[in-house]
Amino acid sequence: FTKELREEFKFIPYAPIVFLSALTKKRIHT
């Protein structure tokens, strides 16, 4: 999905990408 995001958002290649679950709070600390 990171690869897909980079393809779709070519105009912001510098944007960090964070994967998380807001509901369960998994990886929210990142």
All heavy atoms as atom14 arrays in JSON, in Angstrom:
{
  "sequence": "FTKELREEFKFIPYAPIVFLSALTKKRIHT",
  "atom14_mask": [
    [1, 1, 1, 1, 1, 1, 1, 1, 1, 1, 1, 0, 0, 0],
    [1, 1, 1, 1, 1, 1, 1, 0, 0, 0, 0, 0, 0, 0],
    [1, 1, 1, 1, 1, 1, 1, 1, 1, 0, 0, 0, 0, 0],
    [1, 1, 1, 1, 1, 1, 1, 1, 1, 0, 0, 0, 0, 0],
    [1, 1, 1, 1, 1, 1, 1, 1, 0, 0, 0, 0, 0, 0],
    [1, 1, 1, 1, 1, 1, 1, 1, 1, 1, 1, 0, 0, 0],
    [1, 1, 1, 1, 1, 1, 1, 1, 1, 0, 0, 0, 0, 0],
    [1, 1, 1, 1, 1, 1, 1, 1, 1, 0, 0, 0, 0, 0],
    [1, 1, 1, 1, 1, 1, 1, 1, 1, 1, 1, 0, 0, 0],
    [1, 1, 1, 1, 1, 1, 1, 1, 1, 0, 0, 0, 0, 0],
    [1, 1, 1, 1, 1, 1, 1, 1, 1, 1, 1, 0, 0, 0],
    [1, 1, 1, 1, 1, 1, 1, 1, 0, 0, 0, 0, 0, 0],
    [1, 1, 1, 1, 1, 1, 1, 0, 0, 0, 0, 0, 0, 0],
    [1, 1, 1, 1, 1, 1, 1, 1, 1, 1, 1, 1, 0, 0],
    [1, 1, 1, 1, 1, 0, 0, 0, 0, 0, 0, 0, 0, 0],
    [1, 1, 1, 1, 1, 1, 1, 0, 0, 0, 0, 0, 0, 0],
    [1, 1, 1, 1, 1, 1, 1, 1, 0, 0, 0, 0, 0, 0],
    [1, 1, 1, 1, 1, 1, 1, 0, 0, 0, 0, 0, 0, 0],
    [1, 1, 1, 1, 1, 1, 1, 1, 1, 1, 1, 0, 0, 0],
    [1, 1, 1, 1, 1, 1, 1, 1, 0, 0, 0, 0, 0, 0],
    [1, 1, 1, 1, 1, 1, 0, 0, 0, 0, 0, 0, 0, 0],
    [1, 1, 1, 1, 1, 0, 0, 0, 0, 0, 0, 0, 0, 0],
    [1, 1, 1, 1, 1, 1, 1, 1, 0, 0, 0, 0, 0, 0],
    [1, 1, 1, 1, 1, 1, 1, 0, 0, 0, 0, 0, 0, 0],
    [1, 1, 1, 1, 1, 1, 1, 1, 1, 0, 0, 0, 0, 0],
    [1, 1, 1, 1, 1, 1, 1, 1, 1, 0, 0, 0, 0, 0],
    [1, 1, 1, 1, 1, 1, 1, 1, 1, 1, 1, 0, 0, 0],
    [1, 1, 1, 1, 1, 1, 1, 1, 0, 0, 0, 0, 0, 0],
    [1, 1, 1, 1, 1, 1, 1, 1, 1, 1, 0, 0, 0, 0],
    [1, 1, 1, 1, 1, 1, 1, 0, 0, 0, 0, 0, 0, 0]
  ],
  "atom14_positions": [
    [[0.82, -1.21, 0.0], [0.0, 0.0, 0.0], [0.86, 1.26, 0.0], [0.45, 2.28, -0.56], [-0.96, 0.0, 1.19], [-2.1, 0.97, 1.03], [-3.0, 0.84, -0.01], [-2.28, 2.02, 1.93], [-4.05, 1.74, -0.17], [-3.34, 2.91, 1.79], [-4.22, 2.77, 0.73], [0.0, 0.0, 0.0], [0.0, 0.0, 0.0], [0.0, 0.0, 0.0]],
    [[2.03, 1.19, 0.61], [2.96, 2.32, 0.54], [3.34, 2.59, -0.91], [3.39, 3.75, -1.34], [4.23, 2.04, 1.37], [3.88, 1.91, 2.76], [5.23, 3.17, 1.22], [0.0, 0.0, 0.0], [0.0, 0.0, 0.0], [0.0, 0.0, 0.0], [0.0, 0.0, 0.0], [0.0, 0.0, 0.0], [0.0, 0.0, 0.0], [0.0, 0.0, 0.0]],
    [[3.59, 1.53, -1.66], [3.91, 1.67, -3.08], [2.75, 2.32, -3.84], [2.96, 3.2, -4.68], [4.23, 0.29, -3.69], [4.7, 0.35, -5.14], [5.04, -1.04, -5.64], [5.5, -0.98, -7.1], [5.82, -2.36, -7.62], [0.0, 0.0, 0.0], [0.0, 0.0, 0.0], [0.0, 0.0, 0.0], [0.0, 0.0, 0.0], [0.0, 0.0, 0.0]],
    [[1.53, 1.9, -3.52], [0.35, 2.47, -4.16], [0.18, 3.95, -3.79], [-0.14, 4.78, -4.65], [-0.89, 1.68, -3.74], [-2.17, 2.14, -4.45], [-3.38, 1.31, -4.05], [-3.2, 0.22, -3.45], [-4.51, 1.77, -4.3], [0.0, 0.0, 0.0], [0.0, 0.0, 0.0], [0.0, 0.0, 0.0], [0.0, 0.0, 0.0], [0.0, 0.0, 0.0]],
    [[0.42, 4.28, -2.52], [0.31, 5.67, -2.08], [1.32, 6.55, -2.79], [1.01, 7.66, -3.23], [0.52, 5.76, -0.57], [-0.64, 5.31, 0.32], [-0.17, 5.13, 1.75], [-1.79, 6.31, 0.27], [0.0, 0.0, 0.0], [0.0, 0.0, 0.0], [0.0, 0.0, 0.0], [0.0, 0.0, 0.0], [0.0, 0.0, 0.0], [0.0, 0.0, 0.0]],
    [[2.55, 6.08, -2.92], [3.59, 6.86, -3.59], [3.23, 7.09, -5.05], [3.56, 8.14, -5.62], [4.94, 6.17, -3.47], [5.5, 6.11, -2.05], [5.62, 7.48, -1.44], [6.25, 7.45, -0.13], [6.14, 8.42, 0.77], [5.42, 9.51, 0.5], [6.75, 8.32, 1.93], [0.0, 0.0, 0.0], [0.0, 0.0, 0.0], [0.0, 0.0, 0.0]],
    [[2.58, 6.12, -5.65], [2.18, 6.25, -7.05], [1.05, 7.28, -7.19], [1.08, 8.13, -8.1], [1.71, 4.89, -7.59], [1.31, 4.89, -9.07], [2.48, 5.18, -10.0], [3.64, 4.9, -9.64], [2.2, 5.71, -11.12], [0.0, 0.0, 0.0], [0.0, 0.0, 0.0], [0.0, 0.0, 0.0], [0.0, 0.0, 0.0], [0.0, 0.0, 0.0]],
    [[0.06, 7.22, -6.31], [-1.09, 8.12, -6.39], [-0.76, 9.54, -5.93], [-1.34, 10.51, -6.41], [-2.25, 7.57, -5.55], [-2.86, 6.27, -6.09], [-3.6, 6.48, -7.4], [-4.07, 7.61, -7.66], [-3.71, 5.51, -8.16], [0.0, 0.0, 0.0], [0.0, 0.0, 0.0], [0.0, 0.0, 0.0], [0.0, 0.0, 0.0], [0.0, 0.0, 0.0]],
    [[0.16, 9.64, -4.97], [0.53, 10.96, -4.43], [1.94, 11.33, -4.85], [2.79, 11.7, -4.04], [0.42, 10.96, -2.9], [-0.99, 10.86, -2.39], [-1.54, 9.63, -2.08], [-1.77, 11.99, -2.22], [-2.84, 9.53, -1.61], [-3.07, 11.91, -1.75], [-3.61, 10.67, -1.45], [0.0, 0.0, 0.0], [0.0, 0.0, 0.0], [0.0, 0.0, 0.0]],
    [[2.19, 11.28, -6.17], [3.51, 11.6, -6.7], [3.94, 13.03, -6.39], [5.13, 13.33, -6.34], [3.52, 11.38, -8.21], [3.52, 9.93, -8.64], [3.58, 9.82, -10.15], [3.61, 8.37, -10.6], [3.65, 8.24, -12.09], [0.0, 0.0, 0.0], [0.0, 0.0, 0.0], [0.0, 0.0, 0.0], [0.0, 0.0, 0.0], [0.0, 0.0, 0.0]],
    [[2.96, 13.91, -6.18], [3.26, 15.31, -5.95], [3.73, 15.59, -4.52], [4.16, 16.7, -4.21], [2.05, 16.18, -6.3], [0.79, 15.82, -5.56], [0.4, 16.52, -4.43], [-0.02, 14.8, -6.02], [-0.77, 16.21, -3.76], [-1.2, 14.47, -5.35], [-1.57, 15.17, -4.22], [0.0, 0.0, 0.0], [0.0, 0.0, 0.0], [0.0, 0.0, 0.0]],
    [[3.65, 14.59, -3.63], [4.17, 14.76, -2.27], [5.03, 13.55, -1.88], [4.72, 12.85, -0.9], [3.04, 14.99, -1.23], [1.9, 13.98, -1.4], [2.54, 16.4, -1.3], [0.87, 14.04, -0.29], [0.0, 0.0, 0.0], [0.0, 0.0, 0.0], [0.0, 0.0, 0.0], [0.0, 0.0, 0.0], [0.0, 0.0, 0.0], [0.0, 0.0, 0.0]],
    [[6.1, 13.3, -2.6], [6.95, 12.14, -2.29], [7.64, 12.25, -0.93], [8.14, 11.26, -0.4], [7.98, 12.14, -3.43], [8.08, 13.58, -3.85], [6.67, 14.1, -3.7], [0.0, 0.0, 0.0], [0.0, 0.0, 0.0], [0.0, 0.0, 0.0], [0.0, 0.0, 0.0], [0.0, 0.0, 0.0], [0.0, 0.0, 0.0], [0.0, 0.0, 0.0]],
    [[7.67, 13.46, -0.39], [8.34, 13.73, 0.89], [7.44, 13.5, 2.11], [7.89, 13.65, 3.24], [8.86, 15.17, 0.92], [7.79, 16.19, 0.55], [6.85, 16.64, 1.47], [7.72, 16.69, -0.74], [5.87, 17.54, 1.13], [6.74, 17.6, -1.11], [5.82, 18.03, -0.17], [4.86, 18.94, -0.51], [0.0, 0.0, 0.0], [0.0, 0.0, 0.0]],
    [[6.15, 13.18, 1.88], [5.21, 13.03, 2.99], [5.44, 11.72, 3.73], [5.42, 10.65, 3.11], [3.77, 13.09, 2.49], [0.0, 0.0, 0.0], [0.0, 0.0, 0.0], [0.0, 0.0, 0.0], [0.0, 0.0, 0.0], [0.0, 0.0, 0.0], [0.0, 0.0, 0.0], [0.0, 0.0, 0.0], [0.0, 0.0, 0.0], [0.0, 0.0, 0.0]],
    [[5.64, 11.74, 5.05], [5.74, 10.49, 5.81], [4.41, 9.73, 5.76], [3.34, 10.34, 5.65], [6.04, 10.95, 7.24], [6.43, 12.39, 7.14], [5.78, 12.92, 5.91], [0.0, 0.0, 0.0], [0.0, 0.0, 0.0], [0.0, 0.0, 0.0], [0.0, 0.0, 0.0], [0.0, 0.0, 0.0], [0.0, 0.0, 0.0], [0.0, 0.0, 0.0]],
    [[4.47, 8.42, 5.84], [3.27, 7.59, 5.84], [3.23, 6.8, 7.15], [4.2, 6.12, 7.5], [3.25, 6.63, 4.64], [3.32, 7.42, 3.33], [1.99, 5.76, 4.67], [3.45, 6.54, 2.09], [0.0, 0.0, 0.0], [0.0, 0.0, 0.0], [0.0, 0.0, 0.0], [0.0, 0.0, 0.0], [0.0, 0.0, 0.0], [0.0, 0.0, 0.0]],
    [[2.12, 6.89, 7.86], [1.95, 6.2, 9.13], [0.75, 5.27, 9.04], [-0.35, 5.7, 8.68], [1.76, 7.19, 10.3], [1.49, 6.44, 11.6], [2.99, 8.1, 10.44], [0.0, 0.0, 0.0], [0.0, 0.0, 0.0], [0.0, 0.0, 0.0], [0.0, 0.0, 0.0], [0.0, 0.0, 0.0], [0.0, 0.0, 0.0], [0.0, 0.0, 0.0]],
    [[0.94, 4.0, 9.35], [-0.13, 3.02, 9.38], [-0.57, 2.81, 10.83], [0.27, 2.58, 11.71], [0.31, 1.68, 8.78], [0.48, 1.69, 7.29], [1.61, 2.25, 6.71], [-0.49, 1.13, 6.47], [1.77, 2.26, 5.32], [-0.34, 1.14, 5.09], [0.79, 1.71, 4.52], [0.0, 0.0, 0.0], [0.0, 0.0, 0.0], [0.0, 0.0, 0.0]],
    [[-1.88, 2.87, 11.08], [-2.37, 2.71, 12.44], [-3.85, 2.33, 12.43], [-4.5, 2.3, 11.39], [-2.16, 3.99, 13.26], [-2.69, 5.32, 12.7], [-4.18, 5.45, 12.89], [-1.99, 6.49, 13.39], [0.0, 0.0, 0.0], [0.0, 0.0, 0.0], [0.0, 0.0, 0.0], [0.0, 0.0, 0.0], [0.0, 0.0, 0.0], [0.0, 0.0, 0.0]],
    [[-4.35, 2.06, 13.61], [-5.78, 1.88, 13.81], [-6.22, 2.84, 14.9], [-5.83, 2.69, 16.06], [-6.11, 0.43, 14.22], [-7.46, 0.34, 14.64], [0.0, 0.0, 0.0], [0.0, 0.0, 0.0], [0.0, 0.0, 0.0], [0.0, 0.0, 0.0], [0.0, 0.0, 0.0], [0.0, 0.0, 0.0], [0.0, 0.0, 0.0], [0.0, 0.0, 0.0]],
    [[-7.02, 3.81, 14.52], [-7.49, 4.79, 15.5], [-8.42, 4.14, 16.52], [-8.44, 4.51, 17.69], [-8.2, 5.94, 14.78], [0.0, 0.0, 0.0], [0.0, 0.0, 0.0], [0.0, 0.0, 0.0], [0.0, 0.0, 0.0], [0.0, 0.0, 0.0], [0.0, 0.0, 0.0], [0.0, 0.0, 0.0], [0.0, 0.0, 0.0], [0.0, 0.0, 0.0]],
    [[-9.21, 3.17, 16.06], [-10.18, 2.54, 16.93], [-9.53, 1.68, 18.0], [-9.88, 1.77, 19.18], [-11.16, 1.69, 16.1], [-12.39, 1.16, 16.83], [-13.25, 2.32, 17.34], [-13.2, 0.25, 15.91], [0.0, 0.0, 0.0], [0.0, 0.0, 0.0], [0.0, 0.0, 0.0], [0.0, 0.0, 0.0], [0.0, 0.0, 0.0], [0.0, 0.0, 0.0]],
    [[-8.56, 0.86, 17.63], [-7.89, -0.03, 18.58], [-6.61, 0.59, 19.16], [-6.01, 0.03, 20.08], [-7.53, -1.36, 17.91], [-6.54, -1.13, 16.89], [-8.76, -2.02, 17.31], [0.0, 0.0, 0.0], [0.0, 0.0, 0.0], [0.0, 0.0, 0.0], [0.0, 0.0, 0.0], [0.0, 0.0, 0.0], [0.0, 0.0, 0.0], [0.0, 0.0, 0.0]],
    [[-6.19, 1.73, 18.59], [-4.98, 2.46, 19.01], [-3.68, 1.73, 18.68], [-2.63, 2.08, 19.22], [-5.03, 2.8, 20.5], [-6.17, 3.71, 20.89], [-6.12, 4.08, 22.36], [-7.34, 4.9, 22.75], [-7.35, 5.23, 24.19], [0.0, 0.0, 0.0], [0.0, 0.0, 0.0], [0.0, 0.0, 0.0], [0.0, 0.0, 0.0], [0.0, 0.0, 0.0]],
    [[-3.75, 0.72, 17.82], [-2.53, 0.05, 17.4], [-1.69, 1.01, 16.56], [-2.18, 1.65, 15.66], [-2.87, -1.21, 16.6], [-3.42, -2.35, 17.44], [-3.66, -3.6, 16.61], [-4.16, -4.75, 17.48], [-4.44, -5.96, 16.67], [0.0, 0.0, 0.0], [0.0, 0.0, 0.0], [0.0, 0.0, 0.0], [0.0, 0.0, 0.0], [0.0, 0.0, 0.0]],
    [[-0.41, 1.11, 16.9], [0.58, 1.96, 16.23], [0.27, 3.45, 16.37], [0.91, 4.25, 15.72], [0.71, 1.57, 14.75], [1.27, 0.18, 14.51], [1.33, -0.14, 13.02], [2.13, 0.82, 12.28], [3.44, 0.76, 12.08], [4.1, -0.27, 12.6], [4.08, 1.67, 11.39], [0.0, 0.0, 0.0], [0.0, 0.0, 0.0], [0.0, 0.0, 0.0]],
    [[-0.67, 3.83, 17.24], [-0.97, 5.25, 17.43], [0.24, 5.99, 17.98], [0.42, 7.19, 17.73], [-2.21, 5.45, 18.35], [-2.69, 6.91, 18.33], [-1.89, 5.02, 19.78], [-3.32, 7.32, 17.04], [0.0, 0.0, 0.0], [0.0, 0.0, 0.0], [0.0, 0.0, 0.0], [0.0, 0.0, 0.0], [0.0, 0.0, 0.0], [0.0, 0.0, 0.0]],
    [[1.09, 5.27, 18.69], [2.29, 5.88, 19.3], [3.3, 6.32, 18.25], [4.23, 7.09, 18.56], [2.95, 4.87, 20.26], [3.5, 3.65, 19.57], [2.71, 2.59, 19.21], [4.77, 3.36, 19.16], [3.45, 1.68, 18.62], [4.72, 2.11, 18.58], [0.0, 0.0, 0.0], [0.0, 0.0, 0.0], [0.0, 0.0, 0.0], [0.0, 0.0, 0.0]],
    [[3.16, 5.84, 16.99], [4.12, 6.2, 15.94], [3.81, 7.54, 15.29], [4.64, 8.08, 14.56], [4.15, 5.11, 14.84], [2.86, 5.06, 14.19], [4.45, 3.74, 15.44], [0.0, 0.0, 0.0], [0.0, 0.0, 0.0], [0.0, 0.0, 0.0], [0.0, 0.0, 0.0], [0.0, 0.0, 0.0], [0.0, 0.0, 0.0], [0.0, 0.0, 0.0]]
  ]
}
